[in-house]
Amino acid sequence: MLIKQISIFVENKPGRLSAVTKLLAENNIDIRALSVADTKDFGILRLIVNKPDETCEALKKAGWTVSLTNVIAIGITDAPGGLAGVVECLYAANISVEYMYAFISKSENQAYVILRVDNNDRAIEALAENNFTLLKASEVYDM
């Protein structure tokens, strides 16, 4: 139930995001979800892609600083309170959310969220016990 997330250290200057996305396009890599967090001098570009291992290889070969992190992808009801139930479940299981971001769903009434938590195994167990939809890697990569 774990999804491979790619994190790329990106200098905060013009053209850096363009260079990353161009490299992905040249390698026929499709972005499924992304998040950018920045400071004055640098940023972290987090990606969920259809081919994570190939993406890491291509980026490293091009000189980028890259790391792989296991995250959880869940499907939630796209309605008020959908995310609140997930966060309450994790809180009740004493699991801290380090960060999260959402991505677009192709189906109605469904939203998807990527979660980075302090304990993936416990989070997966708690979410499954509370009937939340955990996505398999293949489901996310093939979207």
N, C-alpha and C. Protein backbone atom coordinates (compact mmCIF):
# COMPACT_ATOMS: atom_id res chain seq x y z
N MET A 1 0.80 -1.20 0.00
CA MET A 1 0.00 0.00 0.00
C MET A 1 0.85 1.27 0.00
N LEU A 2 2.14 1.14 -0.12
CA LEU A 2 3.00 2.32 -0.14
C LEU A 2 3.27 2.77 -1.57
N ILE A 3 3.35 4.08 -1.73
CA ILE A 3 3.58 4.71 -3.03
C ILE A 3 4.96 5.36 -2.96
N LYS A 4 5.71 5.26 -4.05
CA LYS A 4 7.02 5.91 -4.10
C LYS A 4 6.86 7.37 -4.52
N GLN A 5 7.33 8.25 -3.65
CA GLN A 5 7.33 9.68 -3.93
C GLN A 5 8.76 10.12 -4.21
N ILE A 6 8.93 10.94 -5.21
CA ILE A 6 10.25 11.47 -5.55
C ILE A 6 10.34 12.89 -5.01
N SER A 7 11.41 13.18 -4.30
CA SER A 7 11.67 14.53 -3.82
C SER A 7 12.93 15.03 -4.50
N ILE A 8 12.83 16.23 -5.06
CA ILE A 8 13.93 16.82 -5.82
C ILE A 8 14.28 18.16 -5.19
N PHE A 9 15.55 18.34 -4.87
CA PHE A 9 16.05 19.61 -4.36
C PHE A 9 16.19 20.54 -5.56
N VAL A 10 15.51 21.68 -5.52
CA VAL A 10 15.49 22.61 -6.65
C VAL A 10 15.89 24.00 -6.17
N GLU A 11 16.91 24.56 -6.81
CA GLU A 11 17.27 25.94 -6.49
C GLU A 11 16.12 26.86 -6.88
N ASN A 12 15.87 27.87 -6.07
CA ASN A 12 14.79 28.80 -6.32
C ASN A 12 15.29 29.89 -7.27
N LYS A 13 15.34 29.52 -8.56
CA LYS A 13 15.73 30.49 -9.58
C LYS A 13 15.02 30.14 -10.89
N PRO A 14 14.86 31.13 -11.75
CA PRO A 14 14.11 30.91 -12.99
C PRO A 14 14.65 29.74 -13.81
N GLY A 15 13.72 28.95 -14.34
CA GLY A 15 14.08 27.87 -15.24
C GLY A 15 14.29 26.51 -14.61
N ARG A 16 14.38 26.44 -13.30
CA ARG A 16 14.67 25.15 -12.66
C ARG A 16 13.49 24.18 -12.78
N LEU A 17 12.27 24.63 -12.52
CA LEU A 17 11.12 23.75 -12.68
C LEU A 17 10.92 23.37 -14.14
N SER A 18 11.19 24.31 -15.00
CA SER A 18 11.10 24.02 -16.44
C SER A 18 12.07 22.91 -16.83
N ALA A 19 13.28 22.96 -16.30
CA ALA A 19 14.29 21.94 -16.62
C ALA A 19 13.85 20.55 -16.14
N VAL A 20 13.27 20.49 -14.94
CA VAL A 20 12.81 19.20 -14.42
C VAL A 20 11.67 18.65 -15.27
N THR A 21 10.68 19.48 -15.52
CA THR A 21 9.52 18.99 -16.28
C THR A 21 9.89 18.64 -17.71
N LYS A 22 10.83 19.36 -18.30
CA LYS A 22 11.29 19.03 -19.66
C LYS A 22 11.99 17.67 -19.66
N LEU A 23 12.82 17.41 -18.65
CA LEU A 23 13.51 16.13 -18.55
C LEU A 23 12.50 14.98 -18.41
N LEU A 24 11.48 15.20 -17.60
CA LEU A 24 10.45 14.17 -17.45
C LEU A 24 9.74 13.92 -18.78
N ALA A 25 9.39 14.98 -19.48
CA ALA A 25 8.72 14.84 -20.77
C ALA A 25 9.60 14.08 -21.77
N GLU A 26 10.87 14.41 -21.80
CA GLU A 26 11.81 13.73 -22.72
C GLU A 26 11.94 12.24 -22.42
N ASN A 27 11.67 11.87 -21.17
CA ASN A 27 11.77 10.46 -20.77
C ASN A 27 10.39 9.78 -20.68
N ASN A 28 9.37 10.44 -21.23
CA ASN A 28 8.02 9.89 -21.29
C ASN A 28 7.49 9.52 -19.89
N ILE A 29 7.74 10.41 -18.95
CA ILE A 29 7.31 10.21 -17.56
C ILE A 29 6.13 11.14 -17.31
N ASP A 30 5.06 10.57 -16.79
CA ASP A 30 3.82 11.30 -16.55
C ASP A 30 3.66 11.61 -15.07
N ILE A 31 3.42 12.86 -14.75
CA ILE A 31 3.22 13.30 -13.37
C ILE A 31 1.78 13.01 -12.96
N ARG A 32 1.62 12.34 -11.83
CA ARG A 32 0.30 12.04 -11.29
C ARG A 32 -0.11 13.05 -10.23
N ALA A 33 0.84 13.51 -9.42
CA ALA A 33 0.59 14.50 -8.38
C ALA A 33 1.89 15.23 -8.10
N LEU A 34 1.78 16.46 -7.62
CA LEU A 34 2.99 17.20 -7.27
C LEU A 34 2.72 18.21 -6.19
N SER A 35 3.80 18.57 -5.52
CA SER A 35 3.77 19.58 -4.48
C SER A 35 5.11 20.31 -4.54
N VAL A 36 5.05 21.63 -4.38
CA VAL A 36 6.28 22.42 -4.31
C VAL A 36 6.26 23.19 -3.01
N ALA A 37 7.31 23.04 -2.23
CA ALA A 37 7.50 23.81 -1.00
C ALA A 37 8.80 24.58 -1.18
N ASP A 38 8.76 25.87 -0.89
CA ASP A 38 9.98 26.64 -1.15
C ASP A 38 10.33 27.57 0.00
N THR A 39 11.58 27.97 -0.04
CA THR A 39 12.10 29.01 0.83
C THR A 39 12.70 30.06 -0.11
N LYS A 40 13.40 31.02 0.42
CA LYS A 40 13.99 32.06 -0.42
C LYS A 40 14.99 31.50 -1.42
N ASP A 41 15.77 30.50 -1.01
CA ASP A 41 16.87 30.03 -1.85
C ASP A 41 16.65 28.70 -2.55
N PHE A 42 15.78 27.85 -2.03
CA PHE A 42 15.59 26.53 -2.63
C PHE A 42 14.18 26.03 -2.38
N GLY A 43 13.86 24.95 -3.06
CA GLY A 43 12.56 24.33 -2.87
C GLY A 43 12.69 22.82 -2.93
N ILE A 44 11.64 22.17 -2.50
CA ILE A 44 11.54 20.72 -2.62
C ILE A 44 10.34 20.44 -3.52
N LEU A 45 10.60 19.82 -4.64
CA LEU A 45 9.56 19.40 -5.56
C LEU A 45 9.27 17.94 -5.27
N ARG A 46 8.04 17.66 -4.85
CA ARG A 46 7.63 16.29 -4.55
C ARG A 46 6.72 15.82 -5.67
N LEU A 47 7.02 14.63 -6.21
CA LEU A 47 6.28 14.11 -7.35
C LEU A 47 5.82 12.68 -7.11
N ILE A 48 4.64 12.39 -7.60
CA ILE A 48 4.18 11.03 -7.79
C ILE A 48 4.10 10.87 -9.31
N VAL A 49 4.81 9.90 -9.84
CA VAL A 49 4.88 9.71 -11.29
C VAL A 49 4.54 8.27 -11.65
N ASN A 50 4.33 8.05 -12.94
CA ASN A 50 3.97 6.70 -13.39
C ASN A 50 5.15 5.73 -13.36
N LYS A 51 6.38 6.23 -13.42
CA LYS A 51 7.57 5.37 -13.42
C LYS A 51 8.61 5.93 -12.44
N PRO A 52 8.42 5.69 -11.14
CA PRO A 52 9.30 6.33 -10.16
C PRO A 52 10.77 5.92 -10.24
N ASP A 53 11.05 4.65 -10.46
CA ASP A 53 12.46 4.23 -10.50
C ASP A 53 13.18 4.83 -11.71
N GLU A 54 12.54 4.81 -12.87
CA GLU A 54 13.13 5.40 -14.07
C GLU A 54 13.31 6.91 -13.90
N THR A 55 12.36 7.53 -13.22
CA THR A 55 12.44 8.97 -12.98
C THR A 55 13.66 9.30 -12.13
N CYS A 56 13.87 8.56 -11.06
CA CYS A 56 15.04 8.79 -10.21
C CYS A 56 16.34 8.64 -11.00
N GLU A 57 16.41 7.59 -11.79
CA GLU A 57 17.62 7.36 -12.60
C GLU A 57 17.88 8.52 -13.55
N ALA A 58 16.84 8.96 -14.25
CA ALA A 58 17.00 10.05 -15.22
C ALA A 58 17.41 11.34 -14.53
N LEU A 59 16.79 11.64 -13.40
CA LEU A 59 17.13 12.87 -12.69
C LEU A 59 18.54 12.83 -12.12
N LYS A 60 18.92 11.72 -11.53
CA LYS A 60 20.28 11.60 -10.99
C LYS A 60 21.32 11.70 -12.10
N LYS A 61 21.05 11.05 -13.21
CA LYS A 61 21.96 11.10 -14.35
C LYS A 61 22.15 12.54 -14.85
N ALA A 62 21.09 13.35 -14.72
CA ALA A 62 21.15 14.75 -15.14
C ALA A 62 21.72 15.67 -14.06
N GLY A 63 22.11 15.09 -12.91
CA GLY A 63 22.76 15.88 -11.88
C GLY A 63 21.86 16.44 -10.79
N TRP A 64 20.61 16.04 -10.73
CA TRP A 64 19.70 16.53 -9.70
C TRP A 64 19.89 15.74 -8.40
N THR A 65 19.65 16.39 -7.28
CA THR A 65 19.65 15.73 -5.98
C THR A 65 18.24 15.20 -5.75
N VAL A 66 18.13 13.87 -5.65
CA VAL A 66 16.83 13.20 -5.63
C VAL A 66 16.79 12.19 -4.50
N SER A 67 15.61 12.02 -3.90
CA SER A 67 15.41 10.95 -2.93
C SER A 67 14.04 10.33 -3.13
N LEU A 68 13.92 9.07 -2.74
CA LEU A 68 12.64 8.36 -2.79
C LEU A 68 12.12 8.22 -1.36
N THR A 69 10.83 8.46 -1.19
CA THR A 69 10.17 8.34 0.11
C THR A 69 8.90 7.55 -0.08
N ASN A 70 8.61 6.66 0.86
CA ASN A 70 7.34 5.95 0.82
C ASN A 70 6.26 6.80 1.47
N VAL A 71 5.15 6.95 0.73
CA VAL A 71 4.00 7.69 1.23
C VAL A 71 2.75 6.83 1.05
N ILE A 72 1.65 7.31 1.58
CA ILE A 72 0.38 6.61 1.49
C ILE A 72 -0.55 7.43 0.61
N ALA A 73 -1.29 6.76 -0.26
CA ALA A 73 -2.31 7.43 -1.07
C ALA A 73 -3.67 6.88 -0.67
N ILE A 74 -4.59 7.78 -0.43
CA ILE A 74 -5.94 7.36 -0.04
C ILE A 74 -6.97 8.06 -0.92
N GLY A 75 -8.09 7.41 -1.07
CA GLY A 75 -9.23 8.01 -1.72
C GLY A 75 -10.24 8.41 -0.65
N ILE A 76 -10.76 9.61 -0.76
CA ILE A 76 -11.74 10.09 0.21
C ILE A 76 -12.95 10.64 -0.53
N THR A 77 -14.06 10.72 0.16
CA THR A 77 -15.25 11.33 -0.40
C THR A 77 -14.98 12.81 -0.61
N ASP A 78 -15.29 13.29 -1.80
CA ASP A 78 -15.10 14.71 -2.12
C ASP A 78 -16.32 15.49 -1.65
N ALA A 79 -16.36 15.68 -0.34
CA ALA A 79 -17.46 16.38 0.31
C ALA A 79 -16.95 16.97 1.61
N PRO A 80 -17.64 17.97 2.14
CA PRO A 80 -17.21 18.52 3.43
C PRO A 80 -17.07 17.41 4.48
N GLY A 81 -15.94 17.40 5.15
CA GLY A 81 -15.68 16.42 6.20
C GLY A 81 -14.93 15.19 5.73
N GLY A 82 -14.74 15.03 4.42
CA GLY A 82 -14.03 13.85 3.90
C GLY A 82 -12.63 13.72 4.47
N LEU A 83 -11.89 14.81 4.46
CA LEU A 83 -10.53 14.79 4.98
C LEU A 83 -10.52 14.77 6.51
N ALA A 84 -11.48 15.40 7.12
CA ALA A 84 -11.54 15.44 8.59
C ALA A 84 -11.58 14.04 9.19
N GLY A 85 -12.32 13.14 8.56
CA GLY A 85 -12.39 11.77 9.07
C GLY A 85 -11.04 11.07 9.05
N VAL A 86 -10.29 11.29 8.00
CA VAL A 86 -8.95 10.70 7.88
C VAL A 86 -8.03 11.24 8.96
N VAL A 87 -8.01 12.55 9.10
CA VAL A 87 -7.12 13.18 10.08
C VAL A 87 -7.51 12.78 11.49
N GLU A 88 -8.80 12.69 11.78
CA GLU A 88 -9.25 12.24 13.10
C GLU A 88 -8.83 10.80 13.37
N CYS A 89 -8.91 9.95 12.36
CA CYS A 89 -8.49 8.55 12.49
C CYS A 89 -7.01 8.46 12.85
N LEU A 90 -6.19 9.22 12.15
CA LEU A 90 -4.75 9.21 12.42
C LEU A 90 -4.43 9.78 13.80
N TYR A 91 -5.13 10.83 14.17
CA TYR A 91 -4.94 11.43 15.49
C TYR A 91 -5.29 10.42 16.59
N ALA A 92 -6.40 9.71 16.41
CA ALA A 92 -6.82 8.71 17.40
C ALA A 92 -5.80 7.59 17.53
N ALA A 93 -5.07 7.30 16.44
CA ALA A 93 -4.05 6.25 16.47
C ALA A 93 -2.67 6.81 16.85
N ASN A 94 -2.63 8.08 17.26
CA ASN A 94 -1.39 8.74 17.67
C ASN A 94 -0.35 8.77 16.55
N ILE A 95 -0.81 9.07 15.34
CA ILE A 95 0.07 9.15 14.17
C ILE A 95 0.14 10.60 13.72
N SER A 96 1.36 11.11 13.58
CA SER A 96 1.56 12.49 13.15
C SER A 96 1.65 12.57 11.64
N VAL A 97 0.97 13.54 11.07
CA VAL A 97 1.06 13.82 9.64
C VAL A 97 2.18 14.83 9.44
N GLU A 98 3.20 14.45 8.67
CA GLU A 98 4.31 15.37 8.41
C GLU A 98 3.94 16.36 7.31
N TYR A 99 3.28 15.89 6.27
CA TYR A 99 2.73 16.76 5.24
C TYR A 99 1.75 15.95 4.41
N MET A 100 0.95 16.67 3.63
CA MET A 100 0.01 16.02 2.73
C MET A 100 -0.28 16.95 1.57
N TYR A 101 -0.73 16.37 0.48
CA TYR A 101 -1.20 17.15 -0.65
C TYR A 101 -2.20 16.30 -1.42
N ALA A 102 -3.08 16.97 -2.14
CA ALA A 102 -4.15 16.29 -2.85
C ALA A 102 -3.89 16.34 -4.35
N PHE A 103 -4.57 15.45 -5.07
CA PHE A 103 -4.50 15.51 -6.52
C PHE A 103 -5.85 15.21 -7.14
N ILE A 104 -5.98 15.56 -8.38
CA ILE A 104 -7.26 15.52 -9.08
C ILE A 104 -7.69 14.09 -9.36
N SER A 105 -8.97 13.89 -9.20
CA SER A 105 -9.58 12.60 -9.48
C SER A 105 -10.30 12.65 -10.81
N LYS A 106 -10.28 11.54 -11.51
CA LYS A 106 -11.02 11.45 -12.77
C LYS A 106 -12.46 10.99 -12.53
N SER A 107 -12.75 10.54 -11.30
CA SER A 107 -14.10 10.08 -11.00
C SER A 107 -14.83 11.10 -10.14
N GLU A 108 -16.12 11.15 -10.27
CA GLU A 108 -16.92 12.08 -9.49
C GLU A 108 -16.95 11.68 -8.02
N ASN A 109 -17.07 12.68 -7.17
CA ASN A 109 -17.23 12.48 -5.73
C ASN A 109 -16.06 11.78 -5.06
N GLN A 110 -14.89 11.78 -5.69
CA GLN A 110 -13.72 11.12 -5.12
C GLN A 110 -12.55 12.09 -5.19
N ALA A 111 -11.85 12.24 -4.11
CA ALA A 111 -10.63 13.03 -4.06
C ALA A 111 -9.51 12.11 -3.60
N TYR A 112 -8.28 12.44 -3.94
CA TYR A 112 -7.14 11.63 -3.54
C TYR A 112 -6.16 12.48 -2.76
N VAL A 113 -5.57 11.89 -1.75
CA VAL A 113 -4.64 12.60 -0.88
C VAL A 113 -3.39 11.75 -0.69
N ILE A 114 -2.24 12.40 -0.78
CA ILE A 114 -0.95 11.78 -0.47
C ILE A 114 -0.59 12.19 0.95
N LEU A 115 -0.23 11.22 1.77
CA LEU A 115 0.12 11.48 3.17
C LEU A 115 1.53 11.00 3.47
N ARG A 116 2.29 11.84 4.13
CA ARG A 116 3.57 11.44 4.70
C ARG A 116 3.36 11.49 6.20
N VAL A 117 3.48 10.33 6.85
CA VAL A 117 3.24 10.22 8.28
C VAL A 117 4.48 9.68 8.98
N ASP A 118 4.46 9.72 10.29
CA ASP A 118 5.63 9.26 11.04
C ASP A 118 5.69 7.74 11.18
N ASN A 119 4.61 7.03 10.84
CA ASN A 119 4.63 5.57 10.92
C ASN A 119 3.66 5.01 9.88
N ASN A 120 4.20 4.65 8.72
CA ASN A 120 3.37 4.17 7.61
C ASN A 120 2.57 2.93 7.97
N ASP A 121 3.22 1.96 8.62
CA ASP A 121 2.53 0.70 8.93
C ASP A 121 1.34 0.92 9.85
N ARG A 122 1.52 1.69 10.91
CA ARG A 122 0.42 1.97 11.83
C ARG A 122 -0.68 2.78 11.16
N ALA A 123 -0.28 3.72 10.30
CA ALA A 123 -1.28 4.53 9.60
C ALA A 123 -2.11 3.67 8.65
N ILE A 124 -1.46 2.80 7.91
CA ILE A 124 -2.18 1.90 7.00
C ILE A 124 -3.16 1.03 7.78
N GLU A 125 -2.70 0.50 8.89
CA GLU A 125 -3.56 -0.35 9.73
C GLU A 125 -4.77 0.44 10.24
N ALA A 126 -4.53 1.64 10.77
CA ALA A 126 -5.61 2.45 11.32
C ALA A 126 -6.61 2.86 10.24
N LEU A 127 -6.10 3.27 9.10
CA LEU A 127 -6.99 3.69 8.00
C LEU A 127 -7.81 2.51 7.48
N ALA A 128 -7.18 1.37 7.33
CA ALA A 128 -7.90 0.18 6.85
C ALA A 128 -8.97 -0.25 7.85
N GLU A 129 -8.63 -0.23 9.13
CA GLU A 129 -9.60 -0.61 10.17
C GLU A 129 -10.81 0.31 10.19
N ASN A 130 -10.62 1.55 9.74
CA ASN A 130 -11.70 2.52 9.73
C ASN A 130 -12.32 2.69 8.34
N ASN A 131 -12.07 1.71 7.49
CA ASN A 131 -12.70 1.61 6.17
C ASN A 131 -12.38 2.76 5.21
N PHE A 132 -11.18 3.35 5.34
CA PHE A 132 -10.76 4.34 4.36
C PHE A 132 -10.14 3.60 3.18
N THR A 133 -10.27 4.16 2.00
CA THR A 133 -9.76 3.53 0.78
C THR A 133 -8.28 3.83 0.61
N LEU A 134 -7.47 2.78 0.74
CA LEU A 134 -6.03 2.90 0.51
C LEU A 134 -5.76 2.49 -0.93
N LEU A 135 -4.99 3.30 -1.62
CA LEU A 135 -4.69 3.00 -3.01
C LEU A 135 -3.39 2.22 -3.13
N LYS A 136 -3.38 1.27 -4.04
CA LYS A 136 -2.16 0.52 -4.34
C LYS A 136 -1.29 1.37 -5.26
N ALA A 137 0.00 1.10 -5.24
CA ALA A 137 0.91 1.84 -6.10
C ALA A 137 0.48 1.77 -7.56
N SER A 138 0.13 0.59 -8.03
CA SER A 138 -0.25 0.43 -9.43
C SER A 138 -1.47 1.27 -9.79
N GLU A 139 -2.40 1.43 -8.85
CA GLU A 139 -3.59 2.26 -9.10
C GLU A 139 -3.20 3.71 -9.31
N VAL A 140 -2.26 4.19 -8.53
CA VAL A 140 -1.84 5.58 -8.64
C VAL A 140 -0.99 5.79 -9.89
N TYR A 141 -0.02 4.92 -10.10
CA TYR A 141 0.88 5.07 -11.24
C TYR A 141 0.14 4.98 -12.57
N ASP A 142 -0.97 4.19 -12.61
CA ASP A 142 -1.71 3.97 -13.85
C ASP A 142 -2.85 4.97 -14.08
N MET A 143 -3.03 5.91 -13.17
CA MET A 143 -4.12 6.90 -13.33
C MET A 143 -3.91 7.73 -14.57
